C-alpha atoms as a PDB file:
ATOM      1  CA  MET A   1     -19.726 137.401  62.140  1.00  0.00           C
ATOM      2  CA  ASP A   2     -22.923 136.325  63.952  1.00  0.00           C
ATOM      3  CA  THR A   3     -24.151 132.861  64.036  1.00  0.00           C
ATOM      4  CA  ASP A   4     -26.756 133.513  61.261  1.00  0.00           C
ATOM      5  CA  LYS A   5     -24.292 134.421  58.806  1.00  0.00           C
ATOM      6  CA  GLN A   6     -22.000 131.637  59.498  1.00  0.00           C
ATOM      7  CA  ILE A   7     -24.764 129.202  59.274  1.00  0.00           C
ATOM      8  CA  ARG A   8     -25.999 130.675  55.756  1.00  0.00           C
ATOM      9  CA  LEU A   9     -22.161 130.600  54.458  1.00  0.00           C
ATOM     10  CA  THR A  10     -21.655 127.275  55.862  1.00  0.00           C
ATOM     11  CA  THR A  11     -24.898 126.062  54.217  1.00  0.00           C
ATOM     12  CA  PHE A  12     -23.766 127.516  50.872  1.00  0.00           C
ATOM     13  CA  SER A  13     -20.266 125.605  50.920  1.00  0.00           C
ATOM     14  CA  TRP A  14     -22.115 122.564  52.039  1.00  0.00           C
ATOM     15  CA  LEU A  15     -24.489 122.699  49.182  1.00  0.00           C
ATOM     16  CA  THR A  16     -21.405 123.427  46.879  1.00  0.00           C
ATOM     17  CA  GLU A  17     -19.818 120.107  47.943  1.00  0.00           C
ATOM     18  CA  GLN A  18     -23.139 118.026  47.425  1.00  0.00           C
ATOM     19  CA  VAL A  19     -23.494 119.565  43.794  1.00  0.00           C
ATOM     20  CA  GLU A  20     -19.910 118.732  43.152  1.00  0.00           C
ATOM     21  CA  MET A  21     -20.391 114.943  44.339  1.00  0.00           C
ATOM     22  CA  HIS A  22     -23.863 114.297  43.009  1.00  0.00           C
ATOM     23  CA  GLY A  23     -24.737 116.832  40.401  1.00  0.00           C
ATOM     24  CA  ASP A  24     -27.228 119.946  40.785  1.00  0.00           C
ATOM     25  CA  VAL A  25     -30.155 117.583  41.537  1.00  0.00           C
ATOM     26  CA  LEU A  26     -30.326 116.442  45.309  1.00  0.00           C
ATOM     27  CA  ASN A  27     -32.267 113.896  46.922  1.00  0.00           C
ATOM     28  CA  ARG A  28     -34.379 114.992  49.331  1.00  0.00           C
ATOM     29  CA  ASN A  29     -33.467 112.710  52.286  1.00  0.00           C
ATOM     30  CA  LYS A  30     -30.143 114.371  51.791  1.00  0.00           C
ATOM     31  CA  LEU A  31     -31.565 117.732  52.422  1.00  0.00           C
ATOM     32  CA  ALA A  32     -33.654 116.903  55.117  1.00  0.00           C
ATOM     33  CA  LYS A  33     -30.707 115.369  57.041  1.00  0.00           C
ATOM     34  CA  GLY A  34     -28.701 118.377  56.404  1.00  0.00           C
ATOM     35  CA  PHE A  35     -25.297 118.786  58.007  1.00  0.00           C
ATOM     36  CA  TYR A  36     -23.584 119.729  61.555  1.00  0.00           C
ATOM     37  CA  PHE A  37     -22.628 122.756  62.526  1.00  0.00           C
ATOM     38  CA  LYS A  38     -20.800 123.208  65.769  1.00  0.00           C
ATOM     39  CA  GLY A  39     -22.332 120.027  67.034  1.00  0.00           C
ATOM     40  CA  THR A  40     -25.791 120.609  66.258  1.00  0.00           C
ATOM     41  CA  ARG A  41     -27.657 119.339  63.045  1.00  0.00           C
ATOM     42  CA  ILE A  42     -28.841 121.911  60.431  1.00  0.00           C
ATOM     43  CA  PRO A  43     -31.658 120.545  58.278  1.00  0.00           C
ATOM     44  CA  LEU A  44     -32.515 122.221  55.027  1.00  0.00           C
ATOM     45  CA  VAL A  45     -36.060 121.179  54.230  1.00  0.00           C
ATOM     46  CA  SER A  46     -39.211 120.330  56.390  1.00  0.00           C
ATOM     47  CA  PRO A  47     -42.724 119.639  55.040  1.00  0.00           C
ATOM     48  CA  GLN A  48     -43.423 123.558  55.065  1.00  0.00           C
ATOM     49  CA  GLY A  49     -42.136 125.320  51.930  1.00  0.00           C
ATOM     50  CA  ILE A  50     -40.544 128.019  53.806  1.00  0.00           C
ATOM     51  CA  PHE A  51     -38.294 126.450  56.504  1.00  0.00           C
ATOM     52  CA  LYS A  52     -36.400 128.152  59.330  1.00  0.00           C
ATOM     53  CA  PRO A  53     -34.142 125.767  61.495  1.00  0.00           C
ATOM     54  CA  LYS A  54     -34.311 126.321  65.131  1.00  0.00           C
ATOM     55  CA  GLN A  55     -30.967 127.775  65.298  1.00  0.00           C
ATOM     56  CA  LEU A  56     -31.793 130.721  63.278  1.00  0.00           C
ATOM     57  CA  ASP A  57     -34.179 133.676  63.557  1.00  0.00           C
ATOM     58  CA  LEU A  58     -35.121 133.724  59.936  1.00  0.00           C
ATOM     59  CA  PRO A  59     -35.956 131.380  57.027  1.00  0.00           C
ATOM     60  CA  LEU A  60     -33.133 129.576  55.435  1.00  0.00           C
ATOM     61  CA  THR A  61     -34.848 128.132  52.587  1.00  0.00           C
ATOM     62  CA  ILE A  62     -37.902 128.270  50.193  1.00  0.00           C
ATOM     63  CA  THR A  63     -39.194 125.074  48.683  1.00  0.00           C
ATOM     64  CA  THR A  64     -41.509 124.157  45.911  1.00  0.00           C
ATOM     65  CA  SER A  65     -42.745 120.666  45.768  1.00  0.00           C
ATOM     66  CA  PRO A  66     -43.256 118.937  42.587  1.00  0.00           C
ATOM     67  CA  LYS A  67     -47.029 118.168  43.980  1.00  0.00           C
ATOM     68  CA  GLY A  68     -47.263 120.817  46.417  1.00  0.00           C
ATOM     69  CA  PRO A  69     -50.540 122.945  47.119  1.00  0.00           C
ATOM     70  CA  TYR A  70     -49.021 126.047  45.707  1.00  0.00           C
ATOM     71  CA  THR A  71     -48.246 126.718  42.070  1.00  0.00           C
ATOM     72  CA  ASP A  72     -45.136 128.873  41.683  1.00  0.00           C
ATOM     73  CA  SER A  73     -44.182 130.737  38.583  1.00  0.00           C
ATOM     74  CA  PHE A  74     -42.117 133.352  36.843  1.00  0.00           C
ATOM     75  CA  ASP A  75     -43.183 137.093  36.427  1.00  0.00           C
ATOM     76  CA  LYS A  76     -42.796 138.784  32.613  1.00  0.00           C
ATOM     77  CA  ASN A  77     -39.302 139.649  33.874  1.00  0.00           C
ATOM     78  CA  ASP A  78     -38.293 136.166  34.763  1.00  0.00           C
ATOM     79  CA  PHE A  79     -38.219 136.703  38.453  1.00  0.00           C
ATOM     80  CA  LEU A  80     -39.644 133.846  40.625  1.00  0.00           C
ATOM     81  CA  LEU A  81     -43.160 134.488  42.293  1.00  0.00           C
ATOM     82  CA  TYR A  82     -43.281 132.243  45.475  1.00  0.00           C
ATOM     83  CA  LYS A  83     -46.555 132.019  47.149  1.00  0.00           C
ATOM     84  CA  TYR A  84     -47.129 132.800  50.591  1.00  0.00           C
ATOM     85  CA  ARG A  85     -47.602 130.051  53.137  1.00  0.00           C
ATOM     86  CA  GLY A  86     -51.509 130.228  53.381  1.00  0.00           C
ATOM     87  CA  THR A  87     -53.754 133.129  53.178  1.00  0.00           C
ATOM     88  CA  ASP A  88     -52.448 135.053  56.201  1.00  0.00           C
ATOM     89  CA  PRO A  89     -49.817 137.980  55.055  1.00  0.00           C
ATOM     90  CA  MET A  90     -48.972 138.010  58.813  1.00  0.00           C
ATOM     91  CA  HIS A  91     -48.477 134.294  59.297  1.00  0.00           C
ATOM     92  CA  ARG A  92     -45.081 133.691  60.962  1.00  0.00           C
ATOM     93  CA  ASP A  93     -43.077 132.339  57.801  1.00  0.00           C
ATOM     94  CA  ASN A  94     -44.562 134.934  55.747  1.00  0.00           C
ATOM     95  CA  VAL A  95     -43.228 137.824  58.055  1.00  0.00           C
ATOM     96  CA  GLY A  96     -40.119 135.711  58.241  1.00  0.00           C
ATOM     97  CA  LEU A  97     -39.610 136.211  54.384  1.00  0.00           C
ATOM     98  CA  ARG A  98     -40.688 139.823  54.649  1.00  0.00           C
ATOM     99  CA  GLN A  99     -37.958 140.178  57.244  1.00  0.00           C
ATOM    100  CA  CYS A 100     -35.355 138.661  54.721  1.00  0.00           C
ATOM    101  CA  MET A 101     -36.602 141.031  52.036  1.00  0.00           C
ATOM    102  CA  GLN A 102     -36.097 144.296  54.662  1.00  0.00           C
ATOM    103  CA  ASN A 103     -32.688 142.717  55.514  1.00  0.00           C
ATOM    104  CA  GLU A 104     -31.302 141.435  52.095  1.00  0.00           C
ATOM    105  CA  THR A 105     -30.811 138.124  53.759  1.00  0.00           C
ATOM    106  CA  PRO A 106     -29.686 135.434  51.409  1.00  0.00           C
ATOM    107  CA  LEU A 107     -31.636 132.266  51.210  1.00  0.00           C
ATOM    108  CA  ILE A 108     -31.573 128.948  49.211  1.00  0.00           C
ATOM    109  CA  TYR A 109     -34.408 127.843  46.728  1.00  0.00           C
ATOM    110  CA  PHE A 110     -34.975 124.151  46.197  1.00  0.00           C
ATOM    111  CA  HIS A 111     -37.142 123.386  43.125  1.00  0.00           C
ATOM    112  CA  GLY A 112     -39.023 120.099  43.112  1.00  0.00           C
ATOM    113  CA  ILE A 113     -38.239 118.311  39.808  1.00  0.00           C
ATOM    114  CA  VAL A 114     -39.923 115.056  40.388  1.00  0.00           C
ATOM    115  CA  PRO A 115     -40.929 113.674  43.757  1.00  0.00           C
ATOM    116  CA  GLY A 116     -37.938 113.280  46.079  1.00  0.00           C
ATOM    117  CA  LYS A 117     -35.251 115.282  43.848  1.00  0.00           C
ATOM    118  CA  TYR A 118     -34.647 119.015  44.070  1.00  0.00           C
ATOM    119  CA  LEU A 119     -32.604 121.331  42.093  1.00  0.00           C
ATOM    120  CA  ALA A 120     -30.820 123.768  44.543  1.00  0.00           C
ATOM    121  CA  VAL A 121     -30.336 127.545  43.701  1.00  0.00           C
ATOM    122  CA  TRP A 122     -28.346 130.010  45.999  1.00  0.00           C
ATOM    123  CA  PRO A 123     -28.278 132.764  46.987  1.00  0.00           C
ATOM    124  CA  VAL A 124     -31.888 133.799  46.368  1.00  0.00           C
ATOM    125  CA  TYR A 125     -33.197 137.352  47.718  1.00  0.00           C
ATOM    126  CA  VAL A 126     -36.723 138.219  48.267  1.00  0.00           C
ATOM    127  CA  ILE A 127     -37.160 141.413  46.320  1.00  0.00           C
ATOM    128  CA  GLY A 128     -40.739 142.203  46.304  1.00  0.00           C
ATOM    129  CA  ASP A 129     -43.967 141.413  48.378  1.00  0.00           C
ATOM    130  CA  ASN A 130     -47.584 141.563  46.847  1.00  0.00           C
ATOM    131  CA  PRO A 131     -49.902 140.757  49.771  1.00  0.00           C
ATOM    132  CA  ASP A 132     -52.924 141.085  47.416  1.00  0.00           C
ATOM    133  CA  ALA A 133     -51.532 138.194  45.326  1.00  0.00           C
ATOM    134  CA  LEU A 134     -50.234 136.224  48.165  1.00  0.00           C
ATOM    135  CA  THR A 135     -46.857 136.169  46.484  1.00  0.00           C
ATOM    136  CA  PHE A 136     -43.091 137.340  47.489  1.00  0.00           C
ATOM    137  CA  ARG A 137     -40.843 138.083  44.400  1.00  0.00           C
ATOM    138  CA  VAL A 138     -37.575 136.262  44.281  1.00  0.00           C
ATOM    139  CA  ALA A 139     -34.271 136.893  42.594  1.00  0.00           C
ATOM    140  CA  ALA A 140     -31.086 134.706  42.288  1.00  0.00           C
ATOM    141  CA  ASP A 141     -27.626 135.792  42.291  1.00  0.00           C
ATOM    142  CA  ASN A 142     -24.290 134.730  41.735  1.00  0.00           C
ATOM    143  CA  GLN A 143     -22.829 132.659  44.587  1.00  0.00           C
ATOM    144  CA  TYR A 144     -19.712 134.190  44.059  1.00  0.00           C
ATOM    145  CA  GLU A 145     -20.854 137.787  44.513  1.00  0.00           C
ATOM    146  CA  ILE A 146     -21.283 137.061  47.976  1.00  0.00           C
ATOM    147  CA  ASP A 147     -18.490 138.517  50.566  1.00  0.00           C
ATOM    148  CA  SER A 148     -17.267 136.891  53.658  1.00  0.00           C
ATOM    149  CA  GLU A 149     -20.055 138.956  55.856  1.00  0.00           C
ATOM    150  CA  GLY A 150     -22.713 137.358  53.643  1.00  0.00           C
ATOM    151  CA  LYS A 151     -23.530 140.490  51.856  1.00  0.00           C
ATOM    152  CA  ALA A 152     -24.167 140.536  47.987  1.00  0.00           C
ATOM    153  CA  ALA A 153     -21.880 142.869  45.806  1.00  0.00           C
ATOM    154  CA  GLU A 154     -23.346 146.247  44.539  1.00  0.00           C
ATOM    155  CA  GLY A 155     -24.979 146.467  41.618  1.00  0.00           C
ATOM    156  CA  SER A 156     -26.952 143.655  41.708  1.00  0.00           C
ATOM    157  CA  GLN A 157     -30.241 144.702  39.789  1.00  0.00           C
ATOM    158  CA  TYR A 158     -29.393 143.736  36.185  1.00  0.00           C
ATOM    159  CA  ARG A 159     -27.108 140.718  37.269  1.00  0.00           C
ATOM    160  CA  ARG A 160     -29.873 139.678  39.383  1.00  0.00           C
ATOM    161  CA  ALA A 161     -32.220 139.814  36.507  1.00  0.00           C
ATOM    162  CA  TYR A 162     -29.961 137.734  34.033  1.00  0.00           C
ATOM    163  CA  ILE A 163     -29.102 135.145  36.549  1.00  0.00           C
ATOM    164  CA  THR A 164     -32.861 134.353  37.448  1.00  0.00           C
ATOM    165  CA  SER A 165     -33.566 133.870  33.760  1.00  0.00           C
ATOM    166  CA  THR A 166     -31.116 131.730  33.242  1.00  0.00           C
ATOM    167  CA  VAL A 167     -32.277 129.715  36.501  1.00  0.00           C
ATOM    168  CA  LYS A 168     -35.767 129.850  34.788  1.00  0.00           C
ATOM    169  CA  ARG A 169     -34.153 128.137  31.914  1.00  0.00           C
ATOM    170  CA  ARG A 170     -32.097 125.634  33.867  1.00  0.00           C
ATOM    171  CA  LEU A 171     -35.261 124.628  36.028  1.00  0.00           C
ATOM    172  CA  HIS A 172     -37.123 123.795  32.768  1.00  0.00           C
ATOM    173  CA  GLN A 173     -34.452 121.835  31.232  1.00  0.00           C
ATOM    174  CA  ARG A 174     -33.523 119.878  34.549  1.00  0.00           C
ATOM    175  CA  GLY A 175     -37.089 119.430  35.087  1.00  0.00           C
ATOM    176  CA  PHE A 176     -37.821 118.053  31.582  1.00  0.00           C
ATOM    177  CA  ARG A 177     -34.708 115.558  31.915  1.00  0.00           C
ATOM    178  CA  GLU A 178     -35.751 114.339  35.065  1.00  0.00           C
ATOM    179  CA  ARG A 179     -39.446 113.919  34.283  1.00  0.00           C
ATOM    180  CA  VAL A 180     -38.526 111.849  31.178  1.00  0.00           C
ATOM    181  CA  MET A 181     -35.806 109.631  32.762  1.00  0.00           C
ATOM    182  CA  ALA A 182     -38.460 108.691  35.408  1.00  0.00           C
ATOM    183  CA  ALA A 183     -40.949 107.939  32.870  1.00  0.00           C
ATOM    184  CA  TYR A 184     -38.674 105.638  30.990  1.00  0.00           C
ATOM    185  CA  GLN A 185     -36.997 104.371  34.078  1.00  0.00           C
ATOM    186  CA  SER A 186     -33.716 105.516  33.057  1.00  0.00           C
ATOM    187  CA  GLN A 187     -33.410 103.383  30.040  1.00  0.00           C
ATOM    188  CA  CYS A 188     -32.988 104.328  26.186  1.00  0.00           C
ATOM    189  CA  ALA A 189     -36.352 103.800  24.375  1.00  0.00           C
ATOM    190  CA  PHE A 190     -34.825 102.198  21.344  1.00  0.00           C
ATOM    191  CA  CYS A 191     -31.858 100.217  22.953  1.00  0.00           C
ATOM    192  CA  GLN A 192     -32.706  99.654  26.811  1.00  0.00           C
ATOM    193  CA  LEU A 193     -29.355 101.061  27.816  1.00  0.00           C
ATOM    194  CA  LYS A 194     -29.473 101.764  31.497  1.00  0.00           C
ATOM    195  CA  HIS A 195     -26.268 103.770  31.945  1.00  0.00           C
ATOM    196  CA  VAL A 196     -27.920 107.451  32.898  1.00  0.00           C
ATOM    197  CA  GLU A 197     -24.638 109.071  32.424  1.00  0.00           C
ATOM    198  CA  LEU A 198     -24.945 108.038  28.848  1.00  0.00           C
ATOM    199  CA  LEU A 199     -28.772 108.972  28.416  1.00  0.00           C
ATOM    200  CA  ASP A 200     -30.216 112.104  27.469  1.00  0.00           C
ATOM    201  CA  ALA A 201     -33.990 113.562  27.269  1.00  0.00           C
ATOM    202  CA  ALA A 202     -34.459 114.061  23.626  1.00  0.00           C
ATOM    203  CA  HIS A 203     -37.197 116.751  22.472  1.00  0.00           C
ATOM    204  CA  ILE A 204     -39.552 115.287  19.830  1.00  0.00           C
ATOM    205  CA  ILE A 205     -40.410 118.620  18.950  1.00  0.00           C
ATOM    206  CA  PRO A 206     -36.967 120.371  19.183  1.00  0.00           C
ATOM    207  CA  ASP A 207     -36.592 122.785  22.001  1.00  0.00           C
ATOM    208  CA  LYS A 208     -35.751 125.789  19.460  1.00  0.00           C
ATOM    209  CA  ASP A 209     -39.183 125.241  17.806  1.00  0.00           C
ATOM    210  CA  GLU A 210     -41.729 127.639  19.164  1.00  0.00           C
ATOM    211  CA  GLU A 211     -44.096 125.327  19.445  1.00  0.00           C
ATOM    212  CA  SER A 212     -41.881 122.514  21.624  1.00  0.00           C
ATOM    213  CA  ILE A 213     -43.126 122.395  25.207  1.00  0.00           C
ATOM    214  CA  PRO A 214     -40.917 120.849  28.219  1.00  0.00           C
ATOM    215  CA  SER A 215     -43.194 118.019  28.839  1.00  0.00           C
ATOM    216  CA  VAL A 216     -42.613 114.283  29.181  1.00  0.00           C
ATOM    217  CA  ASN A 217     -45.165 113.617  26.026  1.00  0.00           C
ATOM    218  CA  ASN A 218     -42.600 115.693  23.958  1.00  0.00           C
ATOM    219  CA  GLY A 219     -39.781 113.703  25.282  1.00  0.00           C
ATOM    220  CA  LEU A 220     -37.924 110.188  24.420  1.00  0.00           C
ATOM    221  CA  ALA A 221     -35.096 108.888  26.822  1.00  0.00           C
ATOM    222  CA  LEU A 222     -32.443 108.015  24.422  1.00  0.00           C
ATOM    223  CA  CYS A 223     -28.645 107.213  24.700  1.00  0.00           C
ATOM    224  CA  LYS A 224     -26.377 109.444  23.329  1.00  0.00           C
ATOM    225  CA  ILE A 225     -25.675 107.851  19.940  1.00  0.00           C
ATOM    226  CA  HIS A 226     -29.353 107.356  19.010  1.00  0.00           C
ATOM    227  CA  HIS A 227     -30.287 110.889  20.425  1.00  0.00           C
ATOM    228  CA  ALA A 228     -27.618 112.050  17.610  1.00  0.00           C
ATOM    229  CA  ALA A 229     -29.018 109.796  15.223  1.00  0.00           C
ATOM    230  CA  PHE A 230     -32.622 110.898  15.945  1.00  0.00           C
ATOM    231  CA  ASP A 231     -31.678 114.715  15.818  1.00  0.00           C
ATOM    232  CA  GLN A 232     -29.834 114.126  12.489  1.00  0.00           C
ATOM    233  CA  HIS A 233     -32.894 112.180  10.978  1.00  0.00           C
ATOM    234  CA  ILE A 234     -30.987 108.881  10.480  1.00  0.00           C
ATOM    235  CA  ILE A 235     -33.737 107.387  12.801  1.00  0.00           C
ATOM    236  CA  GLY A 236     -37.240 108.650  13.080  1.00  0.00           C
ATOM    237  CA  VAL A 237     -40.409 106.939  14.961  1.00  0.00           C
ATOM    238  CA  SER A 238     -43.710 106.946  13.245  1.00  0.00           C
ATOM    239  CA  PRO A 239     -46.914 107.783  15.109  1.00  0.00           C
ATOM    240  CA  ASP A 240     -47.593 104.194  15.948  1.00  0.00           C
ATOM    241  CA  TYR A 241     -44.535 104.119  17.742  1.00  0.00           C
ATOM    242  CA  GLU A 242     -42.330 102.190  15.328  1.00  0.00           C
ATOM    243  CA  ILE A 243     -38.654 102.832  14.823  1.00  0.00           C
ATOM    244  CA  LYS A 244     -37.694 103.770  11.054  1.00  0.00           C
ATOM    245  CA  VAL A 245     -33.949 103.809   9.788  1.00  0.00           C
ATOM    246  CA  LYS A 246     -33.319 106.133   6.800  1.00  0.00           C
ATOM    247  CA  GLU A 247     -33.040 104.042   3.699  1.00  0.00           C
ATOM    248  CA  ASP A 248     -29.857 104.930   2.510  1.00  0.00           C
ATOM    249  CA  VAL A 249     -28.158 104.003   5.996  1.00  0.00           C
ATOM    250  CA  LEU A 250     -29.956 100.643   5.874  1.00  0.00           C
ATOM    251  CA  GLN A 251     -28.033  99.639   2.762  1.00  0.00           C
ATOM    252  CA  GLU A 252     -24.793 100.904   4.064  1.00  0.00           C
ATOM    253  CA  LYS A 253     -21.853  98.258   4.899  1.00  0.00           C
ATOM    254  CA  ASP A 254     -19.932  99.245   7.870  1.00  0.00           C
ATOM    255  CA  GLY A 255     -19.135  97.634  11.278  1.00  0.00           C
ATOM    256  CA  PRO A 256     -21.085  95.952  14.120  1.00  0.00           C
ATOM    257  CA  MET A 257     -22.171  99.344  15.713  1.00  0.00           C
ATOM    258  CA  LEU A 258     -24.120 100.123  12.570  1.00  0.00           C
ATOM    259  CA  LYS A 259     -25.545  96.970  12.036  1.00  0.00           C
ATOM    260  CA  HIS A 260     -26.640  96.010  15.535  1.00  0.00           C
ATOM    261  CA  GLY A 261     -26.934  99.705  17.024  1.00  0.00           C
ATOM    262  CA  ILE A 262     -28.779 101.139  13.905  1.00  0.00           C
ATOM    263  CA  GLN A 263     -29.988  98.934  11.093  1.00  0.00           C
ATOM    264  CA  GLU A 264     -31.438  96.505  13.495  1.00  0.00           C
ATOM    265  CA  LEU A 265     -33.932  98.837  14.782  1.00  0.00           C
ATOM    266  CA  GLN A 266     -35.810  98.977  11.781  1.00  0.00           C
ATOM    267  CA  ASP A 267     -39.490  98.389  12.340  1.00  0.00           C
ATOM    268  CA  GLN A 268     -39.070  97.741  16.073  1.00  0.00           C
ATOM    269  CA  LYS A 269     -41.600  99.145  18.679  1.00  0.00           C
ATOM    270  CA  LEU A 270     -40.444 101.997  20.660  1.00  0.00           C
ATOM    271  CA  ILE A 271     -39.943 101.121  24.386  1.00  0.00           C
ATOM    272  CA  LEU A 272     -42.886 103.085  26.222  1.00  0.00           C
ATOM    273  CA  PRO A 273     -43.188 104.237  29.844  1.00  0.00           C
ATOM    274  CA  LYS A 274     -45.521 102.121  31.813  1.00  0.00           C
ATOM    275  CA  SER A 275     -47.716 104.902  32.268  1.00  0.00           C
ATOM    276  CA  LYS A 276     -49.616 105.543  29.312  1.00  0.00           C
ATOM    277  CA  SER A 277     -50.198 109.107  30.405  1.00  0.00           C
ATOM    278  CA  ALA A 278     -46.239 109.493  29.806  1.00  0.00           C
ATOM    279  CA  TRP A 279     -46.407 108.071  26.271  1.00  0.00           C
ATOM    280  CA  PRO A 280     -45.071 110.404  23.255  1.00  0.00           C
ATOM    281  CA  ASN A 281     -47.728 112.730  22.033  1.00  0.00           C
ATOM    282  CA  GLN A 282     -48.510 110.948  18.597  1.00  0.00           C
ATOM    283  CA  GLU A 283     -49.201 114.594  17.011  1.00  0.00           C
ATOM    284  CA  PHE A 284     -45.763 115.591  18.003  1.00  0.00           C
ATOM    285  CA  LEU A 285     -44.527 112.233  16.521  1.00  0.00           C
ATOM    286  CA  ASP A 286     -46.157 112.924  13.372  1.00  0.00           C
ATOM    287  CA  VAL A 287     -44.763 116.165  12.785  1.00  0.00           C
ATOM    288  CA  ARG A 288     -41.220 114.743  13.656  1.00  0.00           C
ATOM    289  CA  TYR A 289     -41.735 111.635  11.535  1.00  0.00           C
ATOM    290  CA  GLN A 290     -42.834 113.914   8.457  1.00  0.00           C
ATOM    291  CA  ARG A 291     -39.525 115.752   8.779  1.00  0.00           C
ATOM    292  CA  PHE A 292     -37.546 112.722   8.902  1.00  0.00           C
ATOM    293  CA  LYS A 293     -39.354 111.222   5.933  1.00  0.00           C
ATOM    294  CA  ASP A 294     -38.744 114.794   3.765  1.00  0.00           C
ATOM    295  CA  VAL A 295     -34.777 114.343   4.855  1.00  0.00           C
ATOM    296  CA  GLY A 296     -34.934 110.757   3.569  1.00  0.00           C
END
C-alpha cells in the first residue's frame, strides 16, 4: 500500500478513536495538532479550507469554518456543495480536489459548528465539479465500506445519497445544540444546572413542525427533566420570559423534586443568554405558550 493510502486510513482510525473518547464534535486545536505517522506529524486542518499535509500529493481534508468567507450548502439531492478556494478554477487547491474526484480519493470533511468546534465526517468523496458556480459536489459514505486498500465498495450511488442526507440532518442537529449551549453557557435556563452531559438543546417551536428552524432563537438549554416537562406542557414560558407551571401540577403534593424542581419555578424569570441577539424569539415563545395554556 502506498503512503497516501496508509496516511488516509491511519487518519480515519485516529478520528474514530477521538470521537469515541470525546464525542463527534472535536476541538480545532486537537485537529491542528493531528497525530504522528512514522515519526512525522500529520495536522488535519489549516487556515485554508482545502488542506494537504506536506506528506501527501492530494488534499486530505476540507473544512467549513463557522465564520469563514465561504457559505457551503446542500443541493436539492442533499449533496454538499463545497466552494472553491477563491475564484480561479486552476488554483492548486481546486486542482487537487478535482484530482481527488478523478481518482475517487476519500477525504475528511470538518464542519464548523461554533468557533473552535468541528464535526468530523468521513469518508467523503468529490463527485461533481461546477466551475461556473465555483463549487464541488461532495458525498459522504459509510466508513465501514472502505476496504484495506482505501477503496470504497461498489454500488455507492444510492448508499452515498442516503448517508449524505443523514449527515445533513446530523449537522443541523449538532449545530443547533452547540450554538444553544454556547449561548446559555452550558447551563439550564430554568435551574442553572451546569453538567453539560445532563443538558439538552430544546426547541421552542418543535423540530417536527414545518415552521421550526434550527436557530439559537428557537432554542433553550434545559436539563433533561425540565426539557421533558417543557415538552409535555407541564412547564411553559411566557413571551415576557416568565416560567409558568401547569395549575394542577402546582396543587400536587409529592416529594422534594416536585416541590423544588418544578413548583418553585412558578413566576421565575428565564435565565437568558448574555447576548440579546441569542434571546428566545418572543413570537416563537407566544406560539408555544398558547399551546401550554390550551393543554392546561
